[in-house]
């Protein structure tokens, strides 16, 4: 049966109540004051507290302590009060008063109240136990679902990484890439490399509005349609981008857009052309060390489909001379805030290029200089293309440029 704590100042009455409850099979701790009661509850938590209200201010403090104690706050209380105390009994204490009995208390009535309250509290305990079990069950289900979702996302992220193009290694050309999605594996920035013909390499740098899985899905679509557009339009930048814009405007959610820069490099002559549609402008570094920011006009892809969309695109043409370099990037790197509160910006890129050697990995140098590992709040994508040697005159060496980076049957196939 239950363990009951009885607080009764009258010794004779205390003994009568204790004996009556013991006959019902209960274990009873009978004390005469609040100090003894305080000692008792620290030894063993009672299932029920029966108390005389006339025990002074210390007793009120004791009941308030019960209400504030996490382990004791659910102990039900039966108050035994005088008739003139009835009106204030319920509002005098913060603890749970389950019943108020007028003194002198009828023992049979008290025993009935005790049994009723004990059954009620037992049902409440059982109900709370079922609720805890159900809650634990729900938590376990959620944990399983989270694990499954995490595994799916991890698989998607790994697939996403493997879908990104490997930088090709044409003879005399060094291509370096640094890509750090802000979400870990999956990001809205993207890049691509593909061959238009045996000597023209197409390079794509892009940034999809937004973050997360939706941005990753859109950028995967953008990468594909830009590739198809540039191939079927045979390297014509305006027409290839027009094709990509028309396709994306039909399929991506309203308000989303794709910023991109597409360049075409003749790996033999070094001739270069690019069009920029919303991403930061590239930086050119020449053999004599001079650097130039090349600004061109262009509109982000996917916002709307119009006949005049491509008219705004400006194509820049130049020659990537030996020991020259092009650096392209999205806005994640230049927006990294530095110790002085300023952004890394183009000034930071120029400082890195000023001291970078021809054989160094420039994207990694820029990433480290910006402290982007812990300061970047957006995806970071940096690509550098360095021409290490002069024009290849022997056309017989062209196919040796590709090696394992192309499909041996048809390296320029669309798809």
Protein backbone atom coordinates (compact mmCIF):
# COMPACT_ATOMS: atom_id res chain seq x y z
CA UNK A 1 0.00 0.00 0.00
CA UNK A 2 0.96 3.68 0.14
CA UNK A 3 3.41 5.58 2.34
CA UNK A 4 1.61 8.48 4.07
CA UNK A 5 3.10 11.42 5.97
CA UNK A 6 0.83 12.68 8.76
CA UNK A 7 1.45 16.06 10.43
CA UNK A 8 -0.69 16.53 13.51
CA UNK A 9 0.25 18.66 16.51
CA UNK A 10 -2.11 16.81 18.91
CA UNK A 11 -0.34 13.64 19.97
CA UNK A 12 -3.50 11.67 20.82
CA UNK A 13 -5.24 12.61 17.60
CA UNK A 14 -2.06 11.85 15.66
CA UNK A 15 -1.96 8.33 17.11
CA UNK A 16 -5.67 7.69 16.30
CA UNK A 17 -5.32 8.74 12.66
CA UNK A 18 -2.10 6.79 12.19
CA UNK A 19 -3.61 3.59 13.63
CA UNK A 20 -6.73 3.92 11.44
CA UNK A 21 -4.62 4.27 8.28
CA UNK A 22 -2.28 1.47 9.29
CA UNK A 23 -5.26 -0.85 9.69
CA UNK A 24 -5.99 -0.17 6.02
CA UNK A 25 -2.50 -1.43 5.24
CA UNK A 26 -0.72 1.88 4.72
CA UNK A 27 2.71 2.82 5.96
CA UNK A 28 2.36 5.98 8.09
CA UNK A 29 5.06 8.41 9.24
CA UNK A 30 3.38 10.54 11.96
CA UNK A 31 5.12 13.75 13.08
CA UNK A 32 4.09 16.71 15.20
CA UNK A 33 5.63 19.70 13.40
CA UNK A 34 6.94 20.97 10.03
CA UNK A 35 10.60 20.52 10.92
CA UNK A 36 10.09 16.82 11.55
CA UNK A 37 8.05 16.64 8.34
CA UNK A 38 10.88 18.30 6.41
CA UNK A 39 13.29 15.65 7.67
CA UNK A 40 10.84 12.88 6.76
CA UNK A 41 10.32 13.91 3.13
CA UNK A 42 14.06 14.01 2.54
CA UNK A 43 14.25 10.37 3.65
CA UNK A 44 11.28 9.06 1.69
CA UNK A 45 8.80 10.74 -0.62
CA UNK A 46 5.24 10.14 0.60
CA UNK A 47 2.38 9.16 -1.68
CA UNK A 48 0.08 11.45 0.36
CA UNK A 49 0.43 14.22 2.95
CA UNK A 50 -2.27 14.66 5.62
CA UNK A 51 -1.78 17.78 7.64
CA UNK A 52 -3.29 19.95 10.37
CA UNK A 53 -3.39 23.54 9.17
CA UNK A 54 -2.77 25.01 12.65
CA UNK A 55 1.01 24.68 12.73
CA UNK A 56 2.22 28.30 12.39
CA UNK A 57 4.25 30.21 9.77
CA UNK A 58 6.97 27.57 9.51
CA UNK A 59 4.38 25.10 8.29
CA UNK A 60 3.31 27.49 5.49
CA UNK A 61 6.95 27.76 4.43
CA UNK A 62 7.22 23.97 4.46
CA UNK A 63 4.22 23.57 2.10
CA UNK A 64 5.64 26.26 -0.21
CA UNK A 65 8.92 24.34 -0.30
CA UNK A 66 7.00 21.24 -1.37
CA UNK A 67 5.43 23.16 -4.25
CA UNK A 68 8.82 24.39 -5.48
CA UNK A 69 10.56 21.04 -5.21
CA UNK A 70 10.44 19.14 -8.52
CA UNK A 71 10.37 15.73 -6.79
CA UNK A 72 7.75 16.68 -4.16
CA UNK A 73 5.48 19.09 -6.03
CA UNK A 74 3.09 16.31 -7.12
CA UNK A 75 2.51 14.95 -3.60
CA UNK A 76 -1.26 15.38 -2.93
CA UNK A 77 -2.27 17.13 0.32
CA UNK A 78 -5.30 16.67 2.59
CA UNK A 79 -5.78 19.64 4.92
CA UNK A 80 -7.58 19.30 8.24
CA UNK A 81 -8.93 22.76 9.12
CA UNK A 82 -11.25 24.50 11.58
CA UNK A 83 -14.57 25.80 10.26
CA UNK A 84 -13.38 29.41 10.23
CA UNK A 85 -10.39 28.48 8.07
CA UNK A 86 -12.37 27.00 5.15
CA UNK A 87 -12.62 30.13 3.03
CA UNK A 88 -8.86 30.76 2.89
CA UNK A 89 -7.57 27.20 2.82
CA UNK A 90 -7.50 26.83 -0.98
CA UNK A 91 -5.74 30.15 -1.62
CA UNK A 92 -3.21 29.99 1.22
CA UNK A 93 -0.84 27.50 -0.41
CA UNK A 94 0.84 26.86 -3.76
CA UNK A 95 0.82 23.08 -3.38
CA UNK A 96 -1.93 20.76 -4.66
CA UNK A 97 -4.72 20.63 -2.04
CA UNK A 98 -6.75 17.58 -3.03
CA UNK A 99 -9.21 17.69 -0.11
CA UNK A 100 -10.15 19.88 2.89
CA UNK A 101 -11.71 18.20 5.92
CA UNK A 102 -13.29 20.02 8.84
CA UNK A 103 -12.03 19.26 12.31
CA UNK A 104 -12.75 17.19 14.22
CA UNK A 105 -12.19 14.86 11.30
CA UNK A 106 -14.37 11.76 11.01
CA UNK A 107 -11.91 8.88 10.65
CA UNK A 108 -14.12 6.85 8.30
CA UNK A 109 -14.56 9.90 6.10
CA UNK A 110 -10.80 10.46 6.13
CA UNK A 111 -10.11 6.84 5.15
CA UNK A 112 -12.50 7.14 2.19
CA UNK A 113 -10.81 10.37 1.05
CA UNK A 114 -7.41 8.73 1.36
CA UNK A 115 -8.40 5.76 -0.80
CA UNK A 116 -10.06 8.04 -3.38
CA UNK A 117 -7.04 10.32 -3.69
CA UNK A 118 -4.56 7.43 -3.83
CA UNK A 119 -6.51 5.77 -6.66
CA UNK A 120 -6.73 9.10 -8.48
CA UNK A 121 -3.03 9.82 -8.16
CA UNK A 122 -2.21 6.25 -9.22
CA UNK A 123 -4.24 6.74 -12.40
CA UNK A 124 -2.46 10.04 -13.00
CA UNK A 125 0.94 8.37 -12.56
CA UNK A 126 -0.04 5.61 -14.96
CA UNK A 127 -1.30 8.19 -17.43
CA UNK A 128 1.94 10.17 -17.19
CA UNK A 129 3.89 6.95 -17.63
CA UNK A 130 1.93 6.14 -20.79
CA UNK A 131 2.48 9.69 -22.03
CA UNK A 132 6.23 9.41 -21.40
CA UNK A 133 6.33 6.07 -23.20
CA UNK A 134 4.40 7.53 -26.12
CA UNK A 135 6.68 10.55 -26.17
CA UNK A 136 9.76 8.33 -26.14
CA UNK A 137 8.22 6.30 -28.95
CA UNK A 138 7.58 9.47 -30.96
CA UNK A 139 11.10 10.70 -30.31
CA UNK A 140 12.52 7.37 -31.48
CA UNK A 141 10.39 7.55 -34.65
CA UNK A 142 11.56 11.09 -35.29
CA UNK A 143 15.18 10.07 -34.71
CA UNK A 144 14.78 7.23 -37.22
CA UNK A 145 13.21 9.63 -39.72
CA UNK A 146 15.98 12.19 -39.16
CA UNK A 147 18.63 9.50 -39.60
CA UNK A 148 16.96 8.34 -42.81
CA UNK A 149 16.67 11.92 -44.07
CA UNK A 150 20.28 12.62 -43.14
CA UNK A 151 21.38 9.50 -44.98
CA UNK A 152 19.37 10.56 -48.03
CA UNK A 153 20.86 14.06 -47.88
CA UNK A 154 24.35 12.63 -47.46
CA UNK A 155 23.83 10.41 -50.50
CA UNK A 156 22.46 13.38 -52.44
CA UNK A 157 25.37 15.51 -51.33
CA UNK A 158 27.90 12.88 -52.35
CA UNK A 159 26.18 12.48 -55.71
CA UNK A 160 26.16 16.26 -56.06
CA UNK A 161 29.91 16.41 -55.51
CA UNK A 162 30.63 13.61 -57.96
CA UNK A 163 28.44 15.33 -60.58
CA UNK A 164 30.66 18.43 -60.57
CA UNK A 165 33.11 18.43 -63.46
CA UNK A 166 36.75 17.73 -62.80
CA UNK A 167 39.01 20.52 -64.03
CA UNK A 168 40.57 19.33 -67.30
CA UNK A 169 44.33 19.40 -67.75
CA UNK A 170 45.10 20.66 -71.26
CA UNK A 171 48.79 20.93 -72.04
CA UNK A 172 50.20 24.29 -71.01
CA UNK A 173 47.05 25.34 -69.12
CA UNK A 174 46.64 25.17 -65.34
CA UNK A 175 43.07 25.19 -63.96
CA UNK A 176 42.47 25.36 -60.21
CA UNK A 177 39.13 25.29 -58.41
CA UNK A 178 38.06 25.91 -54.82
CA UNK A 179 34.43 25.18 -53.98
CA UNK A 180 33.00 25.36 -50.43
CA UNK A 181 29.18 25.23 -50.19
CA UNK A 182 27.92 27.02 -47.08
CA UNK A 183 25.66 24.04 -46.34
CA UNK A 184 28.46 21.48 -46.30
CA UNK A 185 28.08 19.49 -49.53
CA UNK A 186 25.05 21.01 -51.22
CA UNK A 187 25.10 24.59 -52.47
CA UNK A 188 23.70 27.04 -54.97
CA UNK A 189 27.04 27.93 -56.55
CA UNK A 190 28.17 25.74 -59.43
CA UNK A 191 30.80 25.38 -62.10
CA UNK A 192 31.35 23.32 -65.21
CA UNK A 193 33.97 22.49 -67.84
CA UNK A 194 33.19 20.91 -71.20
CA UNK A 195 34.75 20.78 -74.64
CA UNK A 196 33.04 22.44 -77.61
CA UNK A 197 35.55 21.02 -80.08
CA UNK A 198 39.11 19.64 -79.96
CA UNK A 199 40.60 22.99 -78.94
CA UNK A 200 37.85 25.11 -77.34
CA UNK A 201 37.07 24.60 -73.66
CA UNK A 202 33.92 26.11 -72.16
CA UNK A 203 34.09 27.28 -68.53
CA UNK A 204 30.97 28.07 -66.45
CA UNK A 205 30.74 29.86 -63.10
CA UNK A 206 27.27 30.21 -61.61
CA UNK A 207 25.28 31.21 -58.54
CA UNK A 208 21.62 30.37 -57.94
CA UNK A 209 19.50 32.65 -55.76
CA UNK A 210 18.74 31.08 -52.39
CA UNK A 211 20.37 28.19 -50.57
CA UNK A 212 19.85 24.56 -49.70
CA UNK A 213 18.34 21.71 -51.67
CA UNK A 214 16.11 23.83 -53.93
CA UNK A 215 19.11 25.94 -55.01
CA UNK A 216 21.11 22.75 -55.62
CA UNK A 217 18.35 21.35 -57.83
CA UNK A 218 18.13 24.60 -59.84
CA UNK A 219 21.88 24.85 -60.29
CA UNK A 220 22.03 21.27 -61.54
CA UNK A 221 19.38 22.17 -64.12
CA UNK A 222 21.21 25.42 -65.01
CA UNK A 223 24.51 23.64 -65.50
CA UNK A 224 22.90 21.22 -67.94
CA UNK A 225 20.96 23.74 -70.05
CA UNK A 226 23.99 26.07 -70.32
CA UNK A 227 26.06 23.12 -71.53
CA UNK A 228 23.42 22.12 -74.08
CA UNK A 229 22.91 25.70 -75.23
CA UNK A 230 26.60 26.36 -75.78
CA UNK A 231 27.04 23.13 -77.70
CA UNK A 232 24.07 23.39 -80.02
CA UNK A 233 24.92 27.08 -80.67
CA UNK A 234 28.53 26.07 -81.36
CA UNK A 235 30.10 28.33 -78.77
CA UNK A 236 28.12 31.49 -79.58
CA UNK A 237 27.89 33.06 -76.13
CA UNK A 238 24.85 35.25 -76.73
CA UNK A 239 22.82 32.52 -78.42
CA UNK A 240 23.92 29.80 -76.03
CA UNK A 241 22.91 31.92 -73.04
CA UNK A 242 19.67 32.92 -74.75
CA UNK A 243 18.81 29.23 -75.06
CA UNK A 244 19.64 28.63 -71.37
CA UNK A 245 17.60 31.63 -70.25
CA UNK A 246 14.55 30.54 -72.25
CA UNK A 247 14.70 27.04 -70.76
CA UNK A 248 15.23 28.20 -67.19
CA UNK A 249 12.53 30.90 -67.33
CA UNK A 250 10.01 28.17 -68.17
CA UNK A 251 10.98 25.77 -65.39
CA UNK A 252 12.39 27.42 -62.26
CA UNK A 253 10.11 28.88 -59.53
CA UNK A 254 8.98 32.46 -59.98
CA UNK A 255 11.39 34.96 -58.46
CA UNK A 256 14.36 32.59 -58.63
CA UNK A 257 17.23 33.32 -60.98
CA UNK A 258 20.65 32.07 -62.03
CA UNK A 259 23.66 34.38 -62.16
CA UNK A 260 26.41 33.02 -64.40
CA UNK A 261 29.55 33.71 -66.35
CA UNK A 262 30.44 31.59 -69.36
CA UNK A 263 33.85 31.69 -71.00
CA UNK A 264 35.42 29.93 -73.97
CA UNK A 265 39.17 29.31 -74.07
CA UNK A 266 41.12 28.21 -77.15
CA UNK A 267 43.71 26.10 -75.37
CA UNK A 268 46.10 26.30 -78.35
CA UNK A 269 46.11 30.01 -79.18
CA UNK A 270 45.02 31.31 -75.79
CA UNK A 271 42.12 33.27 -77.28
CA UNK A 272 39.44 33.89 -74.67
CA UNK A 273 35.92 35.27 -74.72
CA UNK A 274 33.32 35.49 -71.97
CA UNK A 275 29.89 36.86 -71.14
CA UNK A 276 28.84 37.77 -67.60
CA UNK A 277 25.22 37.56 -66.42
CA UNK A 278 25.03 38.68 -62.81
CA UNK A 279 28.11 37.19 -61.12
CA UNK A 280 31.05 39.37 -60.01
CA UNK A 281 33.36 40.43 -62.85
CA UNK A 282 36.59 38.46 -63.34
CA UNK A 283 40.13 39.68 -62.74
CA UNK A 284 42.78 39.33 -65.44
CA UNK A 285 46.46 39.20 -64.58
CA UNK A 286 49.03 39.70 -67.35
CA UNK A 287 52.54 38.38 -67.73
CA UNK A 288 54.05 41.66 -66.55
CA UNK A 289 52.04 41.45 -63.31
CA UNK A 290 49.47 44.09 -64.15
CA UNK A 291 45.89 43.29 -63.17
CA UNK A 292 42.59 44.38 -64.67
CA UNK A 293 38.96 44.14 -63.53
CA UNK A 294 36.90 43.47 -66.64
CA UNK A 295 33.31 44.73 -66.32
CA UNK A 296 30.74 43.70 -68.89
CA UNK A 297 26.96 44.06 -69.08
CA UNK A 298 24.52 41.18 -68.72
CA UNK A 299 21.28 40.05 -67.08
CA UNK A 300 20.75 37.06 -64.78
CA UNK A 301 19.14 33.99 -66.34
CA UNK A 302 15.66 32.65 -65.63
CA UNK A 303 13.82 35.83 -64.64
CA UNK A 304 11.91 36.23 -67.89
CA UNK A 305 11.87 35.02 -71.46
CA UNK A 306 11.95 37.78 -74.09
CA UNK A 307 13.34 38.17 -77.59
CA UNK A 308 15.54 41.07 -76.49
CA UNK A 309 17.00 39.36 -73.39
CA UNK A 310 20.35 38.54 -75.04
CA UNK A 311 20.74 42.04 -76.49
CA UNK A 312 21.95 43.27 -73.09
CA UNK A 313 24.82 40.77 -73.01
CA UNK A 314 28.28 42.19 -73.71
CA UNK A 315 30.94 39.73 -74.87
CA UNK A 316 34.55 40.44 -73.90
CA UNK A 317 37.31 39.05 -76.13
CA UNK A 318 41.03 38.96 -75.38
CA UNK A 319 44.04 36.67 -75.49
CA UNK A 320 45.32 34.83 -72.46
CA UNK A 321 49.02 35.32 -73.04
CA UNK A 322 51.69 33.00 -71.65
CA UNK A 323 52.05 33.53 -67.88
CA UNK A 324 48.70 35.27 -67.90
CA UNK A 325 45.82 34.35 -65.65
CA UNK A 326 42.04 34.72 -65.32
CA UNK A 327 40.39 34.55 -61.88
CA UNK A 328 36.61 34.04 -61.64
CA UNK A 329 34.46 33.80 -58.53
CA UNK A 330 31.01 34.19 -57.02
CA UNK A 331 30.19 36.83 -54.42
CA UNK A 332 30.71 34.56 -51.39
CA UNK A 333 34.46 35.22 -51.27
CA UNK A 334 34.49 38.99 -51.82
CA UNK A 335 31.77 39.47 -49.16
CA UNK A 336 33.82 37.83 -46.38
CA UNK A 337 34.10 40.39 -43.56
CA UNK A 338 37.62 41.01 -42.30
CA UNK A 339 39.03 42.08 -38.92
CA UNK A 340 38.68 45.76 -39.77
CA UNK A 341 34.96 45.32 -40.52
CA UNK A 342 35.47 45.72 -44.27
CA UNK A 343 34.73 43.05 -46.87
CA UNK A 344 37.55 41.11 -48.52
CA UNK A 345 36.36 42.51 -51.86
CA UNK A 346 38.45 42.96 -55.01
CA UNK A 347 41.24 44.63 -53.05
CA UNK A 348 41.85 41.34 -51.26
CA UNK A 349 41.90 39.40 -54.54
CA UNK A 350 44.43 41.84 -56.02
CA UNK A 351 46.70 41.55 -52.99
CA UNK A 352 46.81 37.79 -53.36
CA UNK A 353 47.50 37.98 -57.11
CA UNK A 354 50.28 40.50 -56.51
CA UNK A 355 52.34 37.92 -54.63
CA UNK A 356 51.13 34.65 -56.23
CA UNK A 357 53.62 32.66 -58.25
CA UNK A 358 52.78 31.10 -61.61
CA UNK A 359 52.78 27.56 -60.19
CA UNK A 360 50.62 28.27 -57.11
CA UNK A 361 46.99 27.33 -56.51
CA UNK A 362 45.45 30.81 -56.59
CA UNK A 363 41.90 29.85 -55.44
CA UNK A 364 43.35 28.26 -52.30
CA UNK A 365 45.50 31.33 -51.64
CA UNK A 366 42.49 33.63 -51.97
CA UNK A 367 40.33 31.38 -49.75
CA UNK A 368 42.96 31.35 -47.01
CA UNK A 369 43.69 35.08 -47.25
CA UNK A 370 39.99 35.88 -46.77
CA UNK A 371 39.78 33.48 -43.81
CA UNK A 372 36.68 32.21 -45.59
CA UNK A 373 36.67 28.95 -43.67
CA UNK A 374 35.05 30.68 -40.70
CA UNK A 375 33.98 34.02 -42.17
CA UNK A 376 32.08 33.09 -45.31
CA UNK A 377 28.30 33.20 -44.91
CA UNK A 378 27.60 32.13 -48.49
CA UNK A 379 28.89 29.49 -50.88
CA UNK A 380 32.46 30.15 -52.02
CA UNK A 381 33.54 29.33 -55.57
CA UNK A 382 36.86 30.47 -57.06
CA UNK A 383 38.37 29.34 -60.38
CA UNK A 384 41.69 30.40 -61.87
CA UNK A 385 42.98 29.61 -65.36
CA UNK A 386 46.70 30.15 -65.90
CA UNK A 387 48.44 29.83 -69.27
CA UNK A 388 51.83 28.40 -68.49
CA UNK A 389 53.33 28.18 -71.98
CA UNK A 390 53.07 29.58 -75.52
CA UNK A 391 50.90 28.42 -78.41
CA UNK A 392 51.07 24.76 -79.45
CA UNK A 393 51.87 24.73 -83.16
CA UNK A 394 51.76 20.99 -83.78
CA UNK A 395 48.07 20.14 -84.39
CA UNK A 396 48.93 16.47 -84.05
CA UNK A 397 49.30 16.97 -80.32
CA UNK A 398 45.76 18.29 -79.86
CA UNK A 399 44.07 15.06 -78.88
CA UNK A 400 46.79 14.42 -76.33
CA UNK A 401 45.44 17.45 -74.49
CA UNK A 402 42.37 15.61 -73.26
CA UNK A 403 43.56 12.25 -71.94
CA UNK A 404 41.12 10.76 -69.41
CA UNK A 405 39.01 13.92 -69.14
CA UNK A 406 36.87 13.19 -72.21
CA UNK A 407 34.82 10.39 -73.70
CA UNK A 408 37.13 8.51 -76.08
CA UNK A 409 34.32 7.70 -78.52
CA UNK A 410 32.87 11.23 -78.80
CA UNK A 411 34.26 13.83 -76.42
CA UNK A 412 31.99 16.56 -77.80
CA UNK A 413 28.70 14.70 -77.69
CA UNK A 414 25.70 16.69 -76.36
CA UNK A 415 24.06 15.14 -73.28
